[in-house]
Protein backbone atom coordinates (compact mmCIF):
# COMPACT_ATOMS: atom_id res chain seq x y z
CA UNK A 1 -30.25 -50.65 -61.28
CA UNK A 2 -26.51 -50.35 -60.76
CA UNK A 3 -24.76 -50.11 -57.42
CA UNK A 4 -23.98 -46.46 -58.17
CA UNK A 5 -27.66 -45.73 -58.76
CA UNK A 6 -29.16 -47.38 -55.69
CA UNK A 7 -26.37 -47.68 -53.12
CA UNK A 8 -24.39 -50.65 -51.90
CA UNK A 9 -26.75 -51.71 -49.12
CA UNK A 10 -29.76 -51.81 -51.41
CA UNK A 11 -27.81 -53.60 -54.15
CA UNK A 12 -26.72 -56.28 -51.64
CA UNK A 13 -30.29 -56.62 -50.40
CA UNK A 14 -31.49 -57.16 -53.97
CA UNK A 15 -28.86 -59.84 -54.53
CA UNK A 16 -29.63 -61.71 -51.32
CA UNK A 17 -33.39 -61.68 -51.74
CA UNK A 18 -33.01 -63.17 -55.22
CA UNK A 19 -31.55 -66.34 -53.69
CA UNK A 20 -34.95 -68.03 -53.58
CA UNK A 21 -35.63 -67.39 -57.27
CA UNK A 22 -33.80 -70.58 -58.29
CA UNK A 23 -33.19 -73.86 -56.45
CA UNK A 24 -29.94 -74.12 -54.53
CA UNK A 25 -27.36 -76.54 -55.86
CA UNK A 26 -26.62 -79.85 -54.16
CA UNK A 27 -23.23 -78.66 -52.92
CA UNK A 28 -24.89 -75.70 -51.22
CA UNK A 29 -27.65 -77.85 -49.75
CA UNK A 30 -25.16 -80.38 -48.40
CA UNK A 31 -23.33 -77.63 -46.56
CA UNK A 32 -26.56 -76.13 -45.21
CA UNK A 33 -27.63 -79.54 -43.90
CA UNK A 34 -24.29 -79.88 -42.10
CA UNK A 35 -24.53 -76.36 -40.69
CA UNK A 36 -28.01 -77.02 -39.30
CA UNK A 37 -26.95 -80.38 -37.82
CA UNK A 38 -24.03 -78.71 -36.07
CA UNK A 39 -26.21 -75.85 -34.86
CA UNK A 40 -28.88 -78.12 -33.41
CA UNK A 41 -26.32 -80.05 -31.39
CA UNK A 42 -24.71 -76.89 -30.04
CA UNK A 43 -28.06 -75.29 -29.25
CA UNK A 44 -29.44 -78.32 -27.43
CA UNK A 45 -26.32 -78.77 -25.31
CA UNK A 46 -26.08 -75.06 -24.55
CA UNK A 47 -29.71 -75.02 -23.43
CA UNK A 48 -28.91 -77.51 -20.67
CA UNK A 49 -26.06 -75.49 -19.15
CA UNK A 50 -26.60 -73.13 -16.24
CA UNK A 51 -26.75 -69.98 -18.34
CA UNK A 52 -28.98 -71.72 -20.88
CA UNK A 53 -31.46 -72.66 -18.14
CA UNK A 54 -31.40 -69.10 -16.82
CA UNK A 55 -32.35 -67.85 -20.27
CA UNK A 56 -35.25 -70.32 -20.30
CA UNK A 57 -36.33 -68.97 -16.90
CA UNK A 58 -36.20 -65.45 -18.30
CA UNK A 59 -38.35 -66.51 -21.27
CA UNK A 60 -40.93 -68.47 -19.25
CA UNK A 61 -43.32 -65.53 -18.62
CA UNK A 62 -43.52 -65.04 -22.40
CA UNK A 63 -44.62 -68.63 -23.11
CA UNK A 64 -47.40 -68.81 -25.68
CA UNK A 65 -46.48 -65.48 -27.29
CA UNK A 66 -45.82 -67.27 -30.58
CA UNK A 67 -45.22 -70.65 -32.19
CA UNK A 68 -41.42 -70.66 -32.34
CA UNK A 69 -39.96 -73.46 -30.17
CA UNK A 70 -37.29 -73.26 -27.50
CA UNK A 71 -34.99 -76.24 -27.88
CA UNK A 72 -34.73 -78.54 -24.85
CA UNK A 73 -38.21 -77.49 -23.72
CA UNK A 74 -41.87 -77.52 -24.74
CA UNK A 75 -42.10 -73.73 -24.63
CA UNK A 76 -43.23 -71.74 -27.67
CA UNK A 77 -42.47 -68.06 -28.03
CA UNK A 78 -42.61 -65.14 -30.42
CA UNK A 79 -39.91 -65.62 -33.08
CA UNK A 80 -37.56 -62.90 -31.86
CA UNK A 81 -37.58 -64.18 -28.29
CA UNK A 82 -37.08 -67.80 -29.34
CA UNK A 83 -34.25 -66.78 -31.65
CA UNK A 84 -32.64 -64.78 -28.82
CA UNK A 85 -32.70 -67.66 -26.33
CA UNK A 86 -31.76 -70.39 -28.81
CA UNK A 87 -28.92 -68.37 -30.34
CA UNK A 88 -27.54 -67.64 -26.87
CA UNK A 89 -27.59 -71.38 -26.17
CA UNK A 90 -25.94 -72.22 -29.50
CA UNK A 91 -23.17 -69.72 -28.77
CA UNK A 92 -22.90 -70.88 -25.18
CA UNK A 93 -20.35 -73.69 -25.50
CA UNK A 94 -17.81 -72.09 -27.84
CA UNK A 95 -18.50 -74.91 -30.31
CA UNK A 96 -20.68 -73.09 -32.86
CA UNK A 97 -19.40 -72.48 -36.38
CA UNK A 98 -17.23 -69.53 -37.39
CA UNK A 99 -16.68 -67.44 -40.49
CA UNK A 100 -13.00 -66.64 -40.37
CA UNK A 101 -12.76 -63.51 -42.52
CA UNK A 102 -15.51 -61.81 -40.50
CA UNK A 103 -14.11 -63.26 -37.23
CA UNK A 104 -17.69 -64.10 -36.28
CA UNK A 105 -20.08 -66.92 -35.41
CA UNK A 106 -22.85 -66.64 -38.01
CA UNK A 107 -24.71 -69.89 -37.41
CA UNK A 108 -25.83 -69.20 -33.84
CA UNK A 109 -27.97 -66.22 -34.87
CA UNK A 110 -28.67 -66.88 -38.55
CA UNK A 111 -29.90 -70.44 -38.06
CA UNK A 112 -31.70 -69.74 -34.77
CA UNK A 113 -33.55 -66.84 -36.41
CA UNK A 114 -34.38 -68.87 -39.50
CA UNK A 115 -35.70 -71.84 -37.51
CA UNK A 116 -37.78 -69.60 -35.25
CA UNK A 117 -39.43 -67.74 -38.11
CA UNK A 118 -39.93 -70.83 -40.26
CA UNK A 119 -41.59 -72.69 -37.39
CA UNK A 120 -43.73 -69.72 -36.35
CA UNK A 121 -45.00 -68.99 -39.86
CA UNK A 122 -45.31 -72.63 -41.00
CA UNK A 123 -42.72 -72.39 -43.78
CA UNK A 124 -40.97 -75.10 -45.76
CA UNK A 125 -37.50 -76.57 -45.58
CA UNK A 126 -36.77 -75.08 -48.99
CA UNK A 127 -37.51 -71.56 -47.72
CA UNK A 128 -35.43 -72.27 -44.63
CA UNK A 129 -32.41 -73.26 -46.73
CA UNK A 130 -32.66 -70.11 -48.87
CA UNK A 131 -32.83 -67.95 -45.74
CA UNK A 132 -29.77 -69.57 -44.20
CA UNK A 133 -27.82 -69.15 -47.44
CA UNK A 134 -28.70 -65.44 -47.58
CA UNK A 135 -27.91 -64.89 -43.91
CA UNK A 136 -24.43 -66.38 -44.10
CA UNK A 137 -23.72 -64.46 -47.30
CA UNK A 138 -24.68 -61.20 -45.62
CA UNK A 139 -22.44 -61.85 -42.61
CA UNK A 140 -19.47 -62.74 -44.80
CA UNK A 141 -19.81 -59.72 -47.06
CA UNK A 142 -20.43 -57.24 -44.23
CA UNK A 143 -17.56 -58.51 -42.08
CA UNK A 144 -15.10 -58.61 -44.96
CA UNK A 145 -16.08 -55.14 -46.20
CA UNK A 146 -15.65 -53.65 -42.73
CA UNK A 147 -12.32 -55.46 -42.17
CA UNK A 148 -13.11 -57.52 -39.11
CA UNK A 149 -9.47 -57.98 -38.10
CA UNK A 150 -9.25 -54.24 -37.45
CA UNK A 151 -12.71 -54.11 -35.88
CA UNK A 152 -11.77 -56.59 -33.18
CA UNK A 153 -8.55 -54.67 -32.49
CA UNK A 154 -10.74 -51.61 -31.86
CA UNK A 155 -12.50 -53.58 -29.12
CA UNK A 156 -15.73 -54.69 -30.81
CA UNK A 157 -16.92 -58.31 -30.95
CA UNK A 158 -17.79 -59.17 -34.57
CA UNK A 159 -20.51 -61.70 -33.70
CA UNK A 160 -22.62 -59.10 -31.95
CA UNK A 161 -21.66 -56.41 -34.45
CA UNK A 162 -22.02 -58.14 -37.84
CA UNK A 163 -24.26 -61.17 -37.46
CA UNK A 164 -27.45 -59.23 -36.80
CA UNK A 165 -27.27 -58.09 -40.43
CA UNK A 166 -27.22 -61.74 -41.48
CA UNK A 167 -30.13 -62.61 -39.20
CA UNK A 168 -32.10 -59.74 -40.71
CA UNK A 169 -31.32 -60.95 -44.23
CA UNK A 170 -32.48 -64.47 -43.36
CA UNK A 171 -35.64 -63.06 -41.80
CA UNK A 172 -36.29 -60.95 -44.88
CA UNK A 173 -36.19 -64.04 -47.11
CA UNK A 174 -38.68 -65.85 -44.88
CA UNK A 175 -40.97 -62.83 -44.52
CA UNK A 176 -40.94 -61.92 -48.23
CA UNK A 177 -39.62 -58.43 -47.59
CA UNK A 178 -38.64 -56.20 -50.48
CA UNK A 179 -35.01 -55.14 -51.01
CA UNK A 180 -35.86 -51.65 -49.80
CA UNK A 181 -37.44 -53.08 -46.64
CA UNK A 182 -34.36 -55.20 -45.96
CA UNK A 183 -32.02 -52.25 -46.52
CA UNK A 184 -34.12 -50.16 -44.13
CA UNK A 185 -34.16 -53.07 -41.70
CA UNK A 186 -30.37 -53.02 -41.77
CA UNK A 187 -30.67 -49.35 -40.84
CA UNK A 188 -32.45 -50.50 -37.68
CA UNK A 189 -29.82 -53.16 -36.98
CA UNK A 190 -27.14 -50.47 -37.30
CA UNK A 191 -28.58 -48.64 -34.30
CA UNK A 192 -28.61 -51.84 -32.22
CA UNK A 193 -25.32 -53.44 -33.28
CA UNK A 194 -22.41 -53.40 -30.87
CA UNK A 195 -20.64 -55.86 -28.62
CA UNK A 196 -17.60 -54.87 -26.58
CA UNK A 197 -14.54 -57.11 -26.19
CA UNK A 198 -14.20 -56.03 -22.54
CA UNK A 199 -15.31 -59.53 -21.53
CA UNK A 200 -11.92 -60.75 -22.81
CA UNK A 201 -10.09 -58.61 -20.26
CA UNK A 202 -11.77 -59.75 -17.05
CA UNK A 203 -11.92 -63.09 -15.21
CA UNK A 204 -15.65 -62.76 -14.38
CA UNK A 205 -18.69 -61.00 -15.83
CA UNK A 206 -18.13 -62.88 -19.06
CA UNK A 207 -21.55 -64.49 -19.64
CA UNK A 208 -22.37 -61.50 -21.80
CA UNK A 209 -20.23 -63.06 -24.53
CA UNK A 210 -22.76 -65.92 -24.77
CA UNK A 211 -25.47 -63.31 -25.22
CA UNK A 212 -23.77 -61.76 -28.23
CA UNK A 213 -25.14 -64.52 -30.45
CA UNK A 214 -28.58 -63.96 -28.95
CA UNK A 215 -28.47 -60.20 -29.36
CA UNK A 216 -27.62 -60.61 -33.05
CA UNK A 217 -30.58 -62.95 -33.54
CA UNK A 218 -33.04 -60.76 -31.66
CA UNK A 219 -31.91 -57.60 -33.43
CA UNK A 220 -32.13 -59.24 -36.85
CA UNK A 221 -35.63 -60.61 -36.36
CA UNK A 222 -36.91 -57.46 -34.68
CA UNK A 223 -35.47 -55.24 -37.41
CA UNK A 224 -37.04 -57.32 -40.18
CA UNK A 225 -40.41 -57.35 -38.42
CA UNK A 226 -40.29 -53.60 -37.86
CA UNK A 227 -39.21 -52.89 -41.43
CA UNK A 228 -42.08 -55.03 -42.69
CA UNK A 229 -44.45 -52.76 -40.77
CA UNK A 230 -42.92 -49.63 -42.26
CA UNK A 231 -40.76 -48.75 -39.25
CA UNK A 232 -37.67 -47.85 -41.22
CA UNK A 233 -34.02 -47.09 -40.70
CA UNK A 234 -31.61 -45.39 -43.14
CA UNK A 235 -31.02 -47.21 -46.44
CA UNK A 236 -27.24 -46.75 -46.48
CA UNK A 237 -26.66 -48.51 -43.19
CA UNK A 238 -23.56 -50.28 -44.42
CA UNK A 239 -21.76 -47.76 -46.63
CA UNK A 240 -23.14 -44.41 -45.44
CA UNK A 241 -21.20 -41.57 -43.84
CA UNK A 242 -22.10 -42.84 -40.36
CA UNK A 243 -22.80 -46.39 -41.43
CA UNK A 244 -21.31 -49.63 -40.17
CA UNK A 245 -18.14 -49.52 -42.26
CA UNK A 246 -17.31 -45.91 -41.36
CA UNK A 247 -18.07 -46.32 -37.68
CA UNK A 248 -16.44 -49.69 -37.05
CA UNK A 249 -13.99 -50.29 -39.89
CA UNK A 250 -10.39 -49.45 -40.75
CA UNK A 251 -8.63 -50.11 -44.05
CA UNK A 252 -12.05 -51.30 -45.17
CA UNK A 253 -13.26 -52.38 -48.59
CA UNK A 254 -16.86 -51.20 -49.21
CA UNK A 255 -16.83 -52.73 -52.69
CA UNK A 256 -16.67 -56.16 -51.04
CA UNK A 257 -20.34 -55.74 -50.11
CA UNK A 258 -21.22 -56.30 -53.75
CA UNK A 259 -18.32 -58.52 -54.76
CA UNK A 260 -18.78 -62.24 -54.13
CA UNK A 261 -15.74 -64.09 -52.91
CA UNK A 262 -13.88 -65.77 -55.80
CA UNK A 263 -14.00 -69.10 -53.95
CA UNK A 264 -17.79 -69.08 -53.98
CA UNK A 265 -20.62 -68.53 -51.49
CA UNK A 266 -19.79 -67.66 -47.90
CA UNK A 267 -21.45 -70.84 -46.58
CA UNK A 268 -18.47 -72.73 -47.99
CA UNK A 269 -16.00 -70.55 -46.11
CA UNK A 270 -17.15 -71.71 -42.69
CA UNK A 271 -15.05 -73.44 -40.04
CA UNK A 272 -16.60 -76.05 -37.76
CA UNK A 273 -15.24 -76.24 -34.22
CA UNK A 274 -14.08 -79.57 -32.76
CA UNK A 275 -12.75 -77.90 -29.59
CA UNK A 276 -14.83 -75.90 -27.03
CA UNK A 277 -12.63 -72.81 -26.86
CA UNK A 278 -11.86 -69.64 -28.77
CA UNK A 279 -11.46 -70.40 -32.48
CA UNK A 280 -8.08 -68.67 -32.39
CA UNK A 281 -6.62 -71.55 -30.36
CA UNK A 282 -7.70 -74.41 -32.62
CA UNK A 283 -4.53 -74.36 -34.69
CA UNK A 284 -2.55 -74.18 -31.44
CA UNK A 285 -4.31 -77.28 -30.12
CA UNK A 286 -3.57 -79.13 -33.35
CA UNK A 287 0.07 -78.11 -32.98
CA UNK A 288 0.06 -79.23 -29.33
CA UNK A 289 -1.32 -82.60 -30.39
CA UNK A 290 1.53 -82.99 -32.86
CA UNK A 291 4.36 -82.16 -30.45
CA UNK A 292 2.92 -84.31 -27.63
CA UNK A 293 2.23 -87.41 -29.71
CA UNK A 294 -1.51 -86.77 -29.67
CA UNK A 295 -1.40 -85.80 -25.98
CA UNK A 296 0.53 -88.88 -24.90
CA UNK A 297 3.34 -86.82 -23.32
CA UNK A 298 3.15 -86.57 -19.53
CA UNK A 299 2.29 -82.88 -18.92
CA UNK A 300 4.63 -82.83 -15.92
CA UNK A 301 7.51 -83.27 -18.36
CA UNK A 302 6.76 -79.88 -19.95
CA UNK A 303 9.15 -77.10 -19.00
CA UNK A 304 7.66 -74.33 -21.14
CA UNK A 305 5.38 -73.59 -24.09
CA UNK A 306 5.66 -70.60 -26.41
CA UNK A 307 2.95 -69.85 -28.97
CA UNK A 308 3.22 -67.50 -31.94
CA UNK A 309 0.05 -66.16 -33.50
CA UNK A 310 -1.93 -63.07 -34.55
CA UNK A 311 -1.60 -59.95 -32.44
CA UNK A 312 -4.91 -60.42 -30.62
CA UNK A 313 -3.68 -63.73 -29.21
CA UNK A 314 -1.30 -61.68 -27.07
CA UNK A 315 -3.52 -58.67 -26.36
CA UNK A 316 -6.85 -60.39 -25.64
CA UNK A 317 -6.22 -64.01 -24.64
CA UNK A 318 -3.48 -64.32 -22.01
CA UNK A 319 -5.49 -64.25 -18.78
CA UNK A 320 -3.85 -66.90 -16.58
CA UNK A 321 -6.37 -67.14 -13.74
CA UNK A 322 -9.87 -67.12 -15.23
CA UNK A 323 -12.63 -67.52 -12.66
CA UNK A 324 -15.51 -68.12 -15.06
CA UNK A 325 -16.08 -70.74 -17.72
CA UNK A 326 -16.19 -68.19 -20.53
CA UNK A 327 -12.97 -66.53 -19.44
CA UNK A 328 -11.30 -69.95 -19.29
CA UNK A 329 -12.40 -70.77 -22.83
CA UNK A 330 -10.95 -67.43 -23.95
CA UNK A 331 -7.63 -67.95 -22.15
CA UNK A 332 -4.83 -69.46 -24.23
CA UNK A 333 -2.73 -70.57 -21.21
CA UNK A 334 -5.69 -72.17 -19.45
CA UNK A 335 -6.96 -73.85 -22.63
CA UNK A 336 -3.61 -75.54 -23.26
CA UNK A 337 -3.51 -76.80 -19.69
CA UNK A 338 -7.07 -78.09 -19.86
CA UNK A 339 -6.36 -79.84 -23.16
CA UNK A 340 -3.35 -81.65 -21.71
CA UNK A 341 -5.27 -83.01 -18.72
CA UNK A 342 -8.86 -83.32 -19.95
CA UNK A 343 -8.44 -83.66 -23.71
CA UNK A 344 -8.84 -80.94 -26.36
CA UNK A 345 -12.50 -81.75 -27.11
CA UNK A 346 -13.63 -81.91 -23.48
CA UNK A 347 -15.95 -79.26 -22.07
CA UNK A 348 -15.33 -80.59 -18.55
CA UNK A 349 -11.90 -78.98 -18.35
CA UNK A 350 -13.53 -75.53 -18.34
CA UNK A 351 -16.40 -76.18 -15.93
CA UNK A 352 -16.91 -75.87 -12.19
CA UNK A 353 -14.06 -77.11 -10.03
CA UNK A 354 -11.86 -77.57 -13.10
CA UNK A 355 -11.30 -73.81 -13.05
CA UNK A 356 -9.19 -74.35 -9.93
CA UNK A 357 -7.41 -77.51 -11.07
CA UNK A 358 -3.83 -76.96 -9.91
CA UNK A 359 -2.51 -79.13 -12.74
CA UNK A 360 -4.11 -76.95 -15.41
CA UNK A 361 -2.97 -73.77 -13.67
CA UNK A 362 0.60 -75.05 -13.42
CA UNK A 363 0.67 -75.51 -17.20
CA UNK A 364 -0.91 -72.09 -17.69
CA UNK A 365 1.99 -70.53 -15.82
CA UNK A 366 4.42 -72.10 -18.28
CA UNK A 367 2.70 -70.70 -21.40
CA UNK A 368 3.80 -67.52 -23.16
CA UNK A 369 2.69 -66.02 -26.46
CA UNK A 370 4.32 -63.73 -29.00
CA UNK A 371 2.85 -61.84 -31.91
CA UNK A 372 4.08 -63.41 -35.13
CA UNK A 373 4.16 -61.12 -38.20
CA UNK A 374 3.48 -63.94 -40.65
CA UNK A 375 0.49 -65.25 -38.70
CA UNK A 376 -0.81 -61.70 -38.34
CA UNK A 377 -0.49 -61.16 -42.10
CA UNK A 378 -2.46 -64.35 -42.75
CA UNK A 379 -5.20 -63.41 -40.24
CA UNK A 380 -8.21 -63.52 -40.46
CA UNK A 381 -8.28 -65.58 -43.66
CA UNK A 382 -6.27 -68.12 -41.64
CA UNK A 383 -6.31 -68.52 -37.86
CA UNK A 384 -2.81 -69.99 -37.80
CA UNK A 385 -0.23 -70.33 -35.05
CA UNK A 386 2.93 -72.16 -34.12
CA UNK A 387 3.76 -73.86 -30.84
CA UNK A 388 7.18 -74.59 -29.39
CA UNK A 389 7.40 -76.98 -26.44
CA UNK A 390 10.50 -77.45 -24.29
CA UNK A 391 10.59 -80.53 -22.06
CA UNK A 392 12.42 -81.15 -18.79
CA UNK A 393 15.31 -82.74 -20.69
CA UNK A 394 15.89 -79.53 -22.60
CA UNK A 395 14.59 -80.91 -25.90
CA UNK A 396 12.47 -78.57 -28.03
CA UNK A 397 9.68 -79.56 -30.39
CA UNK A 398 7.80 -77.23 -32.71
CA UNK A 399 4.75 -77.43 -34.93
CA UNK A 400 3.31 -74.80 -37.29
CA UNK A 401 -0.38 -75.05 -38.22
CA UNK A 402 -2.01 -72.59 -40.61
CA UNK A 403 -5.39 -74.30 -41.06
CA UNK A 404 -6.78 -76.27 -38.14
CA UNK A 405 -9.18 -79.19 -38.19
CA UNK A 406 -12.65 -78.00 -39.20
CA UNK A 407 -11.56 -75.29 -41.63
CA UNK A 408 -12.42 -75.47 -45.34
CA UNK A 409 -8.77 -76.38 -46.01
CA UNK A 410 -8.84 -79.16 -43.38
CA UNK A 411 -12.52 -80.08 -43.14
CA UNK A 412 -14.47 -82.23 -40.74
CA UNK A 413 -16.48 -84.83 -42.65
CA UNK A 414 -20.15 -85.71 -42.09
CA UNK A 415 -19.16 -88.62 -39.85
CA UNK A 416 -17.06 -86.32 -37.65
CA UNK A 417 -19.86 -83.75 -37.47
CA UNK A 418 -22.34 -86.47 -36.58
CA UNK A 419 -20.01 -87.76 -33.85
CA UNK A 420 -19.79 -84.22 -32.48
CA UNK A 421 -23.58 -83.94 -32.57
CA UNK A 422 -23.99 -87.24 -30.73
CA UNK A 423 -21.50 -86.13 -28.06
CA UNK A 424 -23.58 -83.00 -27.47
CA UNK A 425 -26.95 -84.77 -27.28
CA UNK A 426 -26.11 -87.85 -25.21
CA UNK A 427 -28.60 -89.05 -22.62
CA UNK A 428 -32.08 -90.49 -22.43
CA UNK A 429 -33.71 -87.80 -24.52
CA UNK A 430 -34.85 -89.63 -27.63
CA UNK A 431 -32.53 -87.64 -29.90
CA UNK A 432 -30.99 -89.87 -32.57
CA UNK A 433 -28.26 -88.21 -34.61
CA UNK A 434 -28.66 -90.54 -37.58
CA UNK A 435 -32.40 -89.83 -37.62
CA UNK A 436 -31.88 -86.06 -37.50
CA UNK A 437 -29.30 -86.31 -40.29
CA UNK A 438 -31.78 -88.31 -42.39
CA UNK A 439 -34.46 -85.66 -41.89
CA UNK A 440 -31.99 -83.00 -42.91
CA UNK A 441 -31.17 -84.97 -46.05
CA UNK A 442 -34.84 -84.47 -46.97
CA UNK A 443 -34.88 -80.80 -45.99
CA UNK A 444 -36.02 -79.64 -49.42
CA UNK A 445 -39.04 -81.93 -49.24
CA UNK A 446 -40.25 -80.76 -45.81
CA UNK A 447 -43.48 -78.77 -46.11
CA UNK A 448 -43.03 -77.73 -42.48
CA UNK A 449 -39.92 -77.87 -40.32
CA UNK A 450 -41.70 -79.13 -37.19
CA UNK A 451 -40.67 -82.78 -37.77
CA UNK A 452 -37.03 -81.68 -37.82
CA UNK A 453 -37.31 -80.03 -34.40
CA UNK A 454 -39.73 -82.41 -32.66
CA UNK A 455 -37.04 -84.49 -30.93
CA UNK A 456 -35.51 -81.38 -29.37
CA UNK A 457 -38.75 -80.00 -27.93
CA UNK A 458 -39.89 -82.58 -25.40
């Protein structure tokens, strides 16, 4: 049937559920292995943080409700609950992958949901890979069709808003749902999707942002499970009169739902994050590295810093006195100060007493930002920015960065991703990055995914 005959949502569902009909190519599998490696590191590390432990405490009464594992514990839960907690953990360090055009973090929810369902139902690595592929494709298409750059300006967080549709698509692949069931499952996600950007405006009360990845995972799994039982939502959840695109979009492109990107599958349009802060600042940190000689300049020699970037850099990210870790990671002035004193890849600069580090705050007071028309025009396909630093001698240095480290145009290699993984899983825990990578290299041969997760569930 044509798109005109069955609607855009149903046509997209048909396309995504056909992913498992043929084996994925090696290029696709290589990327999926890297995405899972990155996710596992982020999820494990996030599970050990204060908010990750609180989520485990919340889940404890539900132990034994299913066979889906919580990472960094021996607890097993129903798939939706495990996906919720694990996705929150994966999104909890601001290091999980991003899809730039949808301005979202797909991996936290899509991979957490896929792992939870595959483990619970005893499914293979091959099925897992197909589900992840479909989930990322759904997120990319939905976010691009809605026009995520406008959505975030309206005050909605794309991860919570869009990624549940991807989690539902991944779940549908693993649960063998029909296209109609997936489309109706999306109708259920539509009534749960949301996610306000108000957290970006306040210094505290920001932990909710971590939960946005978890909400997307829970909603996706729950919607797929309900749809499989015949509990249905509307079939035109994406393109309908009161569907996602109409309710949350502006200058949108509904045809993009059914039009693959000319550069190929959405899994290849993912940016990995080397720095634990808002993705918007990564190009700024690369520029800061360039003008400071890879952070060799004494920060006390800095007179002022001006950053030019997309509009939201000015409207949503200029809080100078954050009093929570999340607010600090979302603050451009604070992030630049933390990078200068702790290093750009350090989480420590955002934690605990570091929030009151007078050195970081002194730099924050010297940072200003301006909306740059060229960077705004390039956004969100490119999260670019420029940085101009003036030192105490009156000398000015400038760097312009369109594509930061970790983007498809400036990728992190397997060795860099493995080093990131190892940095997130250090300690006497029996987790060996090289061993996990080797298991992922054999993902297609795994009858069950339990061996992949065993090291994380002690």
